[in-house]
PDB file of all heavy atoms in Angstrom:
ATOM      1  N   ASP A   1      16.755  -4.553   3.765  1.00  0.00           N
ATOM      2  CA  ASP A   1      16.586  -3.105   3.584  1.00  0.00           C
ATOM      3  C   ASP A   1      15.125  -2.680   3.672  1.00  0.00           C
ATOM      4  O   ASP A   1      14.828  -1.487   3.742  1.00  0.00           O
ATOM      5  CB  ASP A   1      17.137  -2.682   2.218  1.00  0.00           C
ATOM      6  CG  ASP A   1      18.619  -2.986   2.086  1.00  0.00           C
ATOM      7  OD1 ASP A   1      19.333  -2.883   3.097  1.00  0.00           O
ATOM      8  OD2 ASP A   1      19.058  -3.332   0.978  1.00  0.00           O
ATOM      9  N   GLY A   2      14.208  -3.641   3.629  1.00  0.00           N
ATOM     10  CA  GLY A   2      12.782  -3.335   3.687  1.00  0.00           C
ATOM     11  C   GLY A   2      11.979  -4.614   3.691  1.00  0.00           C
ATOM     12  O   GLY A   2      12.521  -5.703   3.467  1.00  0.00           O
ATOM     13  N   PHE A   3      10.684  -4.488   3.955  1.00  0.00           N
ATOM     14  CA  PHE A   3       9.817  -5.668   4.075  1.00  0.00           C
ATOM     15  C   PHE A   3       8.565  -5.547   3.214  1.00  0.00           C
ATOM     16  O   PHE A   3       8.090  -4.441   2.934  1.00  0.00           O
ATOM     17  CB  PHE A   3       9.353  -5.851   5.529  1.00  0.00           C
ATOM     18  CG  PHE A   3      10.373  -6.449   6.447  1.00  0.00           C
ATOM     19  CD1 PHE A   3      11.192  -5.629   7.209  1.00  0.00           C
ATOM     20  CD2 PHE A   3      10.513  -7.821   6.557  1.00  0.00           C
ATOM     21  CE1 PHE A   3      12.130  -6.168   8.069  1.00  0.00           C
ATOM     22  CE2 PHE A   3      11.454  -8.374   7.412  1.00  0.00           C
ATOM     23  CZ  PHE A   3      12.260  -7.548   8.170  1.00  0.00           C
ATOM     24  N   ILE A   4       8.036  -6.713   2.850  1.00  0.00           N
ATOM     25  CA  ILE A   4       6.704  -6.814   2.251  1.00  0.00           C
ATOM     26  C   ILE A   4       5.866  -7.711   3.157  1.00  0.00           C
ATOM     27  O   ILE A   4       6.257  -8.845   3.452  1.00  0.00           O
ATOM     28  CB  ILE A   4       6.761  -7.410   0.836  1.00  0.00           C
ATOM     29  CG1 ILE A   4       7.458  -6.443  -0.121  1.00  0.00           C
ATOM     30  CG2 ILE A   4       5.343  -7.732   0.328  1.00  0.00           C
ATOM     31  CD1 ILE A   4       7.693  -7.007  -1.512  1.00  0.00           C
ATOM     32  N   LEU A   5       4.744  -7.193   3.632  1.00  0.00           N
ATOM     33  CA  LEU A   5       3.787  -7.991   4.414  1.00  0.00           C
ATOM     34  C   LEU A   5       2.746  -8.557   3.460  1.00  0.00           C
ATOM     35  O   LEU A   5       2.181  -7.810   2.656  1.00  0.00           O
ATOM     36  CB  LEU A   5       3.103  -7.131   5.474  1.00  0.00           C
ATOM     37  CG  LEU A   5       3.994  -6.423   6.495  1.00  0.00           C
ATOM     38  CD1 LEU A   5       3.138  -5.603   7.466  1.00  0.00           C
ATOM     39  CD2 LEU A   5       4.835  -7.423   7.266  1.00  0.00           C
ATOM     40  N   THR A   6       2.465  -9.838   3.545  1.00  0.00           N
ATOM     41  CA  THR A   6       1.530 -10.455   2.603  1.00  0.00           C
ATOM     42  C   THR A   6       0.118 -10.613   3.163  1.00  0.00           C
ATOM     43  O   THR A   6      -0.734 -11.211   2.516  1.00  0.00           O
ATOM     44  CB  THR A   6       2.051 -11.836   2.156  1.00  0.00           C
ATOM     45  OG1 THR A   6       2.298 -12.653   3.304  1.00  0.00           O
ATOM     46  CG2 THR A   6       3.322 -11.703   1.347  1.00  0.00           C
ATOM     47  N   ARG A   7      -0.112 -10.084   4.351  1.00  0.00           N
ATOM     48  CA  ARG A   7      -1.474 -10.104   4.911  1.00  0.00           C
ATOM     49  C   ARG A   7      -1.611  -8.919   5.852  1.00  0.00           C
ATOM     50  O   ARG A   7      -0.668  -8.564   6.556  1.00  0.00           O
ATOM     51  CB  ARG A   7      -1.749 -11.414   5.663  1.00  0.00           C
ATOM     52  CG  ARG A   7      -3.125 -11.448   6.342  1.00  0.00           C
ATOM     53  CD  ARG A   7      -3.324 -12.713   7.144  1.00  0.00           C
ATOM     54  NE  ARG A   7      -3.543 -13.877   6.288  1.00  0.00           N
ATOM     55  CZ  ARG A   7      -3.531 -15.137   6.721  1.00  0.00           C
ATOM     56  NH1 ARG A   7      -3.269 -15.388   7.992  1.00  0.00           N
ATOM     57  NH2 ARG A   7      -3.762 -16.126   5.883  1.00  0.00           N
ATOM     58  N   THR A   8      -2.780  -8.292   5.848  1.00  0.00           N
ATOM     59  CA  THR A   8      -3.058  -7.216   6.797  1.00  0.00           C
ATOM     60  C   THR A   8      -4.151  -7.652   7.753  1.00  0.00           C
ATOM     61  O   THR A   8      -5.096  -8.348   7.366  1.00  0.00           O
ATOM     62  CB  THR A   8      -3.475  -5.924   6.071  1.00  0.00           C
ATOM     63  OG1 THR A   8      -4.544  -6.210   5.156  1.00  0.00           O
ATOM     64  CG2 THR A   8      -2.311  -5.325   5.313  1.00  0.00           C
ATOM     65  N   LEU A   9      -4.025  -7.216   8.999  1.00  0.00           N
ATOM     66  CA  LEU A   9      -4.947  -7.615  10.057  1.00  0.00           C
ATOM     67  C   LEU A   9      -5.575  -6.390  10.711  1.00  0.00           C
ATOM     68  O   LEU A   9      -5.053  -5.274  10.602  1.00  0.00           O
ATOM     69  CB  LEU A   9      -4.199  -8.426  11.123  1.00  0.00           C
ATOM     70  CG  LEU A   9      -3.428  -9.659  10.637  1.00  0.00           C
ATOM     71  CD1 LEU A   9      -2.559 -10.208  11.761  1.00  0.00           C
ATOM     72  CD2 LEU A   9      -4.392 -10.728  10.132  1.00  0.00           C
ATOM     73  N   VAL A  10      -6.685  -6.615  11.400  1.00  0.00           N
ATOM     74  CA  VAL A  10      -7.341  -5.526  12.118  1.00  0.00           C
ATOM     75  C   VAL A  10      -6.391  -4.995  13.194  1.00  0.00           C
ATOM     76  O   VAL A  10      -6.136  -3.798  13.294  1.00  0.00           O
ATOM     77  CB  VAL A  10      -8.663  -6.001  12.738  1.00  0.00           C
ATOM     78  CG1 VAL A  10      -9.280  -4.887  13.580  1.00  0.00           C
ATOM     79  CG2 VAL A  10      -9.631  -6.434  11.648  1.00  0.00           C
ATOM     80  N   LYS A  11      -5.853  -5.895  14.002  1.00  0.00           N
ATOM     81  CA  LYS A  11      -4.798  -5.542  14.961  1.00  0.00           C
ATOM     82  C   LYS A  11      -3.519  -6.145  14.410  1.00  0.00           C
ATOM     83  O   LYS A  11      -3.247  -7.324  14.581  1.00  0.00           O
ATOM     84  CB  LYS A  11      -5.114  -6.098  16.351  1.00  0.00           C
ATOM     85  CG  LYS A  11      -6.343  -5.448  16.985  1.00  0.00           C
ATOM     86  CD  LYS A  11      -6.595  -5.972  18.387  1.00  0.00           C
ATOM     87  CE  LYS A  11      -7.802  -5.286  19.021  1.00  0.00           C
ATOM     88  NZ  LYS A  11      -8.079  -5.803  20.387  1.00  0.00           N
ATOM     89  N   ASP A  12      -2.743  -5.310  13.728  1.00  0.00           N
ATOM     90  CA  ASP A  12      -1.634  -5.795  12.910  1.00  0.00           C
ATOM     91  C   ASP A  12      -0.289  -5.627  13.618  1.00  0.00           C
ATOM     92  O   ASP A  12       0.394  -4.615  13.484  1.00  0.00           O
ATOM     93  CB  ASP A  12      -1.625  -5.034  11.577  1.00  0.00           C
ATOM     94  CG  ASP A  12      -0.980  -5.833  10.464  1.00  0.00           C
ATOM     95  OD1 ASP A  12      -0.033  -6.580  10.762  1.00  0.00           O
ATOM     96  OD2 ASP A  12      -1.428  -5.720   9.317  1.00  0.00           O
ATOM     97  N   ALA A  13       0.106  -6.651  14.389  1.00  0.00           N
ATOM     98  CA  ALA A  13       1.353  -6.587  15.155  1.00  0.00           C
ATOM     99  C   ALA A  13       2.591  -6.430  14.264  1.00  0.00           C
ATOM    100  O   ALA A  13       3.474  -5.618  14.582  1.00  0.00           O
ATOM    101  CB  ALA A  13       1.486  -7.830  16.039  1.00  0.00           C
ATOM    102  N   PRO A  14       2.717  -7.173  13.148  1.00  0.00           N
ATOM    103  CA  PRO A  14       3.899  -6.981  12.291  1.00  0.00           C
ATOM    104  C   PRO A  14       4.015  -5.551  11.762  1.00  0.00           C
ATOM    105  O   PRO A  14       5.099  -4.960  11.777  1.00  0.00           O
ATOM    106  CB  PRO A  14       3.663  -7.982  11.145  1.00  0.00           C
ATOM    107  CG  PRO A  14       2.814  -9.041  11.743  1.00  0.00           C
ATOM    108  CD  PRO A  14       1.907  -8.311  12.684  1.00  0.00           C
ATOM    109  N   ALA A  15       2.897  -4.982  11.307  1.00  0.00           N
ATOM    110  CA  ALA A  15       2.918  -3.617  10.772  1.00  0.00           C
ATOM    111  C   ALA A  15       3.274  -2.609  11.862  1.00  0.00           C
ATOM    112  O   ALA A  15       4.061  -1.680  11.637  1.00  0.00           O
ATOM    113  CB  ALA A  15       1.569  -3.271  10.151  1.00  0.00           C
ATOM    114  N   GLU A  16       2.705  -2.793  13.041  1.00  0.00           N
ATOM    115  CA  GLU A  16       2.991  -1.873  14.144  1.00  0.00           C
ATOM    116  C   GLU A  16       4.466  -1.918  14.516  1.00  0.00           C
ATOM    117  O   GLU A  16       5.093  -0.886  14.775  1.00  0.00           O
ATOM    118  CB  GLU A  16       2.129  -2.217  15.364  1.00  0.00           C
ATOM    119  CG  GLU A  16       0.661  -1.835  15.216  1.00  0.00           C
ATOM    120  CD  GLU A  16       0.481  -0.338  14.997  1.00  0.00           C
ATOM    121  OE1 GLU A  16       1.159   0.466  15.670  1.00  0.00           O
ATOM    122  OE2 GLU A  16      -0.331   0.032  14.128  1.00  0.00           O
ATOM    123  N   TYR A  17       5.030  -3.114  14.543  1.00  0.00           N
ATOM    124  CA  TYR A  17       6.447  -3.252  14.891  1.00  0.00           C
ATOM    125  C   TYR A  17       7.333  -2.578  13.847  1.00  0.00           C
ATOM    126  O   TYR A  17       8.269  -1.849  14.186  1.00  0.00           O
ATOM    127  CB  TYR A  17       6.817  -4.728  15.025  1.00  0.00           C
ATOM    128  CG  TYR A  17       8.308  -4.940  15.203  1.00  0.00           C
ATOM    129  CD1 TYR A  17       8.936  -4.600  16.392  1.00  0.00           C
ATOM    130  CD2 TYR A  17       9.080  -5.462  14.168  1.00  0.00           C
ATOM    131  CE1 TYR A  17      10.302  -4.760  16.562  1.00  0.00           C
ATOM    132  CE2 TYR A  17      10.445  -5.629  14.309  1.00  0.00           C
ATOM    133  CZ  TYR A  17      11.064  -5.277  15.520  1.00  0.00           C
ATOM    134  OH  TYR A  17      12.412  -5.428  15.658  1.00  0.00           O
ATOM    135  N   LEU A  18       7.044  -2.812  12.571  1.00  0.00           N
ATOM    136  CA  LEU A  18       7.856  -2.222  11.503  1.00  0.00           C
ATOM    137  C   LEU A  18       7.749  -0.702  11.498  1.00  0.00           C
ATOM    138  O   LEU A  18       8.718   0.002  11.201  1.00  0.00           O
ATOM    139  CB  LEU A  18       7.449  -2.801  10.151  1.00  0.00           C
ATOM    140  CG  LEU A  18       7.791  -4.295   9.943  1.00  0.00           C
ATOM    141  CD1 LEU A  18       7.288  -4.771   8.589  1.00  0.00           C
ATOM    142  CD2 LEU A  18       9.289  -4.535  10.067  1.00  0.00           C
ATOM    143  N   LYS A  19       6.572  -0.179  11.834  1.00  0.00           N
ATOM    144  CA  LYS A  19       6.417   1.276  11.931  1.00  0.00           C
ATOM    145  C   LYS A  19       7.332   1.839  13.020  1.00  0.00           C
ATOM    146  O   LYS A  19       7.953   2.884  12.837  1.00  0.00           O
ATOM    147  CB  LYS A  19       4.959   1.632  12.247  1.00  0.00           C
ATOM    148  CG  LYS A  19       4.028   1.587  11.056  1.00  0.00           C
ATOM    149  CD  LYS A  19       2.582   1.718  11.479  1.00  0.00           C
ATOM    150  CE  LYS A  19       2.311   2.971  12.285  1.00  0.00           C
ATOM    151  NZ  LYS A  19       0.904   3.073  12.712  1.00  0.00           N
ATOM    152  N   GLU A  20       7.437   1.134  14.131  1.00  0.00           N
ATOM    153  CA  GLU A  20       8.277   1.589  15.240  1.00  0.00           C
ATOM    154  C   GLU A  20       9.752   1.607  14.852  1.00  0.00           C
ATOM    155  O   GLU A  20      10.504   2.483  15.275  1.00  0.00           O
ATOM    156  CB  GLU A  20       8.083   0.668  16.449  1.00  0.00           C
ATOM    157  CG  GLU A  20       6.724   0.791  17.111  1.00  0.00           C
ATOM    158  CD  GLU A  20       6.514  -0.263  18.184  1.00  0.00           C
ATOM    159  OE1 GLU A  20       7.491  -1.001  18.474  1.00  0.00           O
ATOM    160  OE2 GLU A  20       5.403  -0.359  18.723  1.00  0.00           O
ATOM    161  N   THR A  21      10.164   0.640  14.030  1.00  0.00           N
ATOM    162  CA  THR A  21      11.580   0.550  13.651  1.00  0.00           C
ATOM    163  C   THR A  21      11.967   1.603  12.611  1.00  0.00           C
ATOM    164  O   THR A  21      13.130   1.969  12.497  1.00  0.00           O
ATOM    165  CB  THR A  21      11.910  -0.830  13.068  1.00  0.00           C
ATOM    166  OG1 THR A  21      11.233  -1.003  11.818  1.00  0.00           O
ATOM    167  CG2 THR A  21      11.510  -1.937  14.038  1.00  0.00           C
ATOM    168  N   GLY A  22      10.980   2.059  11.826  1.00  0.00           N
ATOM    169  CA  GLY A  22      11.262   3.028  10.772  1.00  0.00           C
ATOM    170  C   GLY A  22      11.770   2.416   9.489  1.00  0.00           C
ATOM    171  O   GLY A  22      12.077   3.131   8.531  1.00  0.00           O
ATOM    172  N   ILE A  23      11.860   1.095   9.420  1.00  0.00           N
ATOM    173  CA  ILE A  23      12.335   0.435   8.204  1.00  0.00           C
ATOM    174  C   ILE A  23      11.246   0.500   7.134  1.00  0.00           C
ATOM    175  O   ILE A  23      10.053   0.376   7.439  1.00  0.00           O
ATOM    176  CB  ILE A  23      12.729  -1.033   8.500  1.00  0.00           C
ATOM    177  CG1 ILE A  23      13.496  -1.632   7.321  1.00  0.00           C
ATOM    178  CG2 ILE A  23      11.520  -1.888   8.816  1.00  0.00           C
ATOM    179  CD1 ILE A  23      14.144  -2.973   7.646  1.00  0.00           C
ATOM    180  N   PRO A  24      11.587   0.717   5.860  1.00  0.00           N
ATOM    181  CA  PRO A  24      10.557   0.776   4.808  1.00  0.00           C
ATOM    182  C   PRO A  24       9.799  -0.552   4.684  1.00  0.00           C
ATOM    183  O   PRO A  24      10.414  -1.624   4.747  1.00  0.00           O
ATOM    184  CB  PRO A  24      11.361   1.055   3.535  1.00  0.00           C
ATOM    185  CG  PRO A  24      12.660   1.627   4.000  1.00  0.00           C
ATOM    186  CD  PRO A  24      12.936   0.972   5.316  1.00  0.00           C
ATOM    187  N   PHE A  25       8.492  -0.473   4.520  1.00  0.00           N
ATOM    188  CA  PHE A  25       7.728  -1.695   4.248  1.00  0.00           C
ATOM    189  C   PHE A  25       6.453  -1.343   3.488  1.00  0.00           C
ATOM    190  O   PHE A  25       5.949  -0.228   3.569  1.00  0.00           O
ATOM    191  CB  PHE A  25       7.410  -2.460   5.538  1.00  0.00           C
ATOM    192  CG  PHE A  25       6.334  -1.853   6.408  1.00  0.00           C
ATOM    193  CD1 PHE A  25       5.006  -2.288   6.315  1.00  0.00           C
ATOM    194  CD2 PHE A  25       6.637  -0.856   7.320  1.00  0.00           C
ATOM    195  CE1 PHE A  25       4.023  -1.746   7.117  1.00  0.00           C
ATOM    196  CE2 PHE A  25       5.655  -0.296   8.126  1.00  0.00           C
ATOM    197  CZ  PHE A  25       4.339  -0.742   8.032  1.00  0.00           C
ATOM    198  N   VAL A  26       5.980  -2.335   2.738  1.00  0.00           N
ATOM    199  CA  VAL A  26       4.727  -2.208   1.986  1.00  0.00           C
ATOM    200  C   VAL A  26       3.856  -3.390   2.340  1.00  0.00           C
ATOM    201  O   VAL A  26       4.345  -4.534   2.429  1.00  0.00           O
ATOM    202  CB  VAL A  26       4.980  -2.182   0.463  1.00  0.00           C
ATOM    203  CG1 VAL A  26       3.667  -2.028  -0.293  1.00  0.00           C
ATOM    204  CG2 VAL A  26       5.931  -1.056   0.089  1.00  0.00           C
ATOM    205  N   ALA A  27       2.577  -3.144   2.544  1.00  0.00           N
ATOM    206  CA  ALA A  27       1.643  -4.217   2.867  1.00  0.00           C
ATOM    207  C   ALA A  27       0.842  -4.616   1.640  1.00  0.00           C
ATOM    208  O   ALA A  27       0.403  -3.768   0.866  1.00  0.00           O
ATOM    209  CB  ALA A  27       0.697  -3.781   3.985  1.00  0.00           C
ATOM    210  N   ILE A  28       0.683  -5.921   1.457  1.00  0.00           N
ATOM    211  CA  ILE A  28      -0.251  -6.440   0.460  1.00  0.00           C
ATOM    212  C   ILE A  28      -1.569  -6.657   1.192  1.00  0.00           C
ATOM    213  O   ILE A  28      -1.684  -7.533   2.038  1.00  0.00           O
ATOM    214  CB  ILE A  28       0.256  -7.749  -0.162  1.00  0.00           C
ATOM    215  CG1 ILE A  28       1.511  -7.490  -1.003  1.00  0.00           C
ATOM    216  CG2 ILE A  28      -0.835  -8.400  -1.017  1.00  0.00           C
ATOM    217  CD1 ILE A  28       2.113  -8.735  -1.619  1.00  0.00           C
ATOM    218  N   GLY A  29      -2.541  -5.832   0.890  1.00  0.00           N
ATOM    219  CA  GLY A  29      -3.808  -5.871   1.609  1.00  0.00           C
ATOM    220  C   GLY A  29      -4.130  -4.500   2.164  1.00  0.00           C
ATOM    221  O   GLY A  29      -3.227  -3.739   2.548  1.00  0.00           O
ATOM    222  N   CYS A  30      -5.408  -4.182   2.208  1.00  0.00           N
ATOM    223  CA  CYS A  30      -5.823  -2.854   2.663  1.00  0.00           C
ATOM    224  C   CYS A  30      -5.662  -2.726   4.172  1.00  0.00           C
ATOM    225  O   CYS A  30      -5.557  -3.729   4.896  1.00  0.00           O
ATOM    226  CB  CYS A  30      -7.275  -2.590   2.256  1.00  0.00           C
ATOM    227  SG  CYS A  30      -8.467  -3.668   3.068  1.00  0.00           S
ATOM    228  N   THR A  31      -5.626  -1.508   4.633  1.00  0.00           N
ATOM    229  CA  THR A  31      -5.568  -1.222   6.058  1.00  0.00           C
ATOM    230  C   THR A  31      -6.193   0.145   6.308  1.00  0.00           C
ATOM    231  O   THR A  31      -6.202   0.997   5.415  1.00  0.00           O
ATOM    232  CB  THR A  31      -4.120  -1.234   6.584  1.00  0.00           C
ATOM    233  OG1 THR A  31      -4.109  -0.812   7.957  1.00  0.00           O
ATOM    234  CG2 THR A  31      -3.228  -0.302   5.774  1.00  0.00           C
ATOM    235  N   GLU A  32      -6.717   0.332   7.500  1.00  0.00           N
ATOM    236  CA  GLU A  32      -7.292   1.626   7.871  1.00  0.00           C
ATOM    237  C   GLU A  32      -6.232   2.576   8.412  1.00  0.00           C
ATOM    238  O   GLU A  32      -6.502   3.741   8.669  1.00  0.00           O
ATOM    239  CB  GLU A  32      -8.408   1.417   8.900  1.00  0.00           C
ATOM    240  CG  GLU A  32      -9.602   0.642   8.330  1.00  0.00           C
ATOM    241  CD  GLU A  32     -10.658   0.341   9.376  1.00  0.00           C
ATOM    242  OE1 GLU A  32     -10.382   0.589  10.568  1.00  0.00           O
ATOM    243  OE2 GLU A  32     -11.742  -0.128   8.997  1.00  0.00           O
ATOM    244  N   ASP A  33      -5.011   2.076   8.573  1.00  0.00           N
ATOM    245  CA  ASP A  33      -3.900   2.887   9.069  1.00  0.00           C
ATOM    246  C   ASP A  33      -3.331   3.718   7.916  1.00  0.00           C
ATOM    247  O   ASP A  33      -2.684   3.183   7.010  1.00  0.00           O
ATOM    248  CB  ASP A  33      -2.815   1.975   9.650  1.00  0.00           C
ATOM    249  CG  ASP A  33      -1.703   2.760  10.348  1.00  0.00           C
ATOM    250  OD1 ASP A  33      -1.535   3.950  10.040  1.00  0.00           O
ATOM    251  OD2 ASP A  33      -1.011   2.161  11.196  1.00  0.00           O
ATOM    252  N   GLU A  34      -3.577   5.013   7.929  1.00  0.00           N
ATOM    253  CA  GLU A  34      -3.177   5.880   6.825  1.00  0.00           C
ATOM    254  C   GLU A  34      -1.663   6.079   6.729  1.00  0.00           C
ATOM    255  O   GLU A  34      -1.158   6.584   5.728  1.00  0.00           O
ATOM    256  CB  GLU A  34      -3.872   7.238   6.949  1.00  0.00           C
ATOM    257  CG  GLU A  34      -5.385   7.140   6.773  1.00  0.00           C
ATOM    258  CD  GLU A  34      -6.065   8.502   6.804  1.00  0.00           C
ATOM    259  OE1 GLU A  34      -5.344   9.508   6.993  1.00  0.00           O
ATOM    260  OE2 GLU A  34      -7.297   8.548   6.629  1.00  0.00           O
ATOM    261  N   SER A  35      -0.922   5.661   7.744  1.00  0.00           N
ATOM    262  CA  SER A  35       0.528   5.811   7.707  1.00  0.00           C
ATOM    263  C   SER A  35       1.215   4.631   7.015  1.00  0.00           C
ATOM    264  O   SER A  35       2.423   4.664   6.798  1.00  0.00           O
ATOM    265  CB  SER A  35       1.087   5.955   9.128  1.00  0.00           C
ATOM    266  OG  SER A  35       0.916   4.754   9.865  1.00  0.00           O
ATOM    267  N   VAL A  36       0.451   3.608   6.675  1.00  0.00           N
ATOM    268  CA  VAL A  36       1.011   2.399   6.042  1.00  0.00           C
ATOM    269  C   VAL A  36       0.788   2.452   4.534  1.00  0.00           C
ATOM    270  O   VAL A  36      -0.326   2.711   4.075  1.00  0.00           O
ATOM    271  CB  VAL A  36       0.367   1.118   6.621  1.00  0.00           C
ATOM    272  CG1 VAL A  36       0.818  -0.117   5.840  1.00  0.00           C
ATOM    273  CG2 VAL A  36       0.722   0.967   8.097  1.00  0.00           C
ATOM    274  N   VAL A  37       1.837   2.200   3.772  1.00  0.00           N
ATOM    275  CA  VAL A  37       1.725   2.092   2.312  1.00  0.00           C
ATOM    276  C   VAL A  37       1.216   0.694   1.984  1.00  0.00           C
ATOM    277  O   VAL A  37       1.797  -0.300   2.430  1.00  0.00           O
ATOM    278  CB  VAL A  37       3.090   2.323   1.631  1.00  0.00           C
ATOM    279  CG1 VAL A  37       2.994   2.069   0.133  1.00  0.00           C
ATOM    280  CG2 VAL A  37       3.576   3.742   1.898  1.00  0.00           C
ATOM    281  N   TRP A  38       0.125   0.625   1.231  1.00  0.00           N
ATOM    282  CA  TRP A  38      -0.417  -0.691   0.904  1.00  0.00           C
ATOM    283  C   TRP A  38      -0.885  -0.782  -0.534  1.00  0.00           C
ATOM    284  O   TRP A  38      -1.235   0.209  -1.164  1.00  0.00           O
ATOM    285  CB  TRP A  38      -1.548  -1.078   1.858  1.00  0.00           C
ATOM    286  CG  TRP A  38      -2.747  -0.177   1.875  1.00  0.00           C
ATOM    287  CD1 TRP A  38      -2.943   0.898   2.680  1.00  0.00           C
ATOM    288  CD2 TRP A  38      -3.943  -0.276   1.071  1.00  0.00           C
ATOM    289  NE1 TRP A  38      -4.174   1.478   2.433  1.00  0.00           N
ATOM    290  CE2 TRP A  38      -4.815   0.772   1.446  1.00  0.00           C
ATOM    291  CE3 TRP A  38      -4.354  -1.162   0.071  1.00  0.00           C
ATOM    292  CZ2 TRP A  38      -6.050   0.961   0.856  1.00  0.00           C
ATOM    293  CZ3 TRP A  38      -5.603  -0.971  -0.519  1.00  0.00           C
ATOM    294  CH2 TRP A  38      -6.432   0.083  -0.124  1.00  0.00           C
ATOM    295  N   ILE A  39      -0.866  -2.015  -1.045  1.00  0.00           N
ATOM    296  CA  ILE A  39      -1.299  -2.318  -2.411  1.00  0.00           C
ATOM    297  C   ILE A  39      -2.182  -3.560  -2.350  1.00  0.00           C
ATOM    298  O   ILE A  39      -1.864  -4.516  -1.646  1.00  0.00           O
ATOM    299  CB  ILE A  39      -0.083  -2.580  -3.331  1.00  0.00           C
ATOM    300  CG1 ILE A  39       0.807  -1.337  -3.394  1.00  0.00           C
ATOM    301  CG2 ILE A  39      -0.526  -2.984  -4.731  1.00  0.00           C
ATOM    302  CD1 ILE A  39       2.117  -1.562  -4.120  1.00  0.00           C
TER     303      ILE A  39
END
């Protein structure tokens, strides 16, 4: 039903893919992408 990413990258392929799918996800680690929820 959703994902947790345990690492964030400068060019973040997992995050980009999940954004395209629309599935809820939260990243552990900061990101400059303001559309990503992160902690």
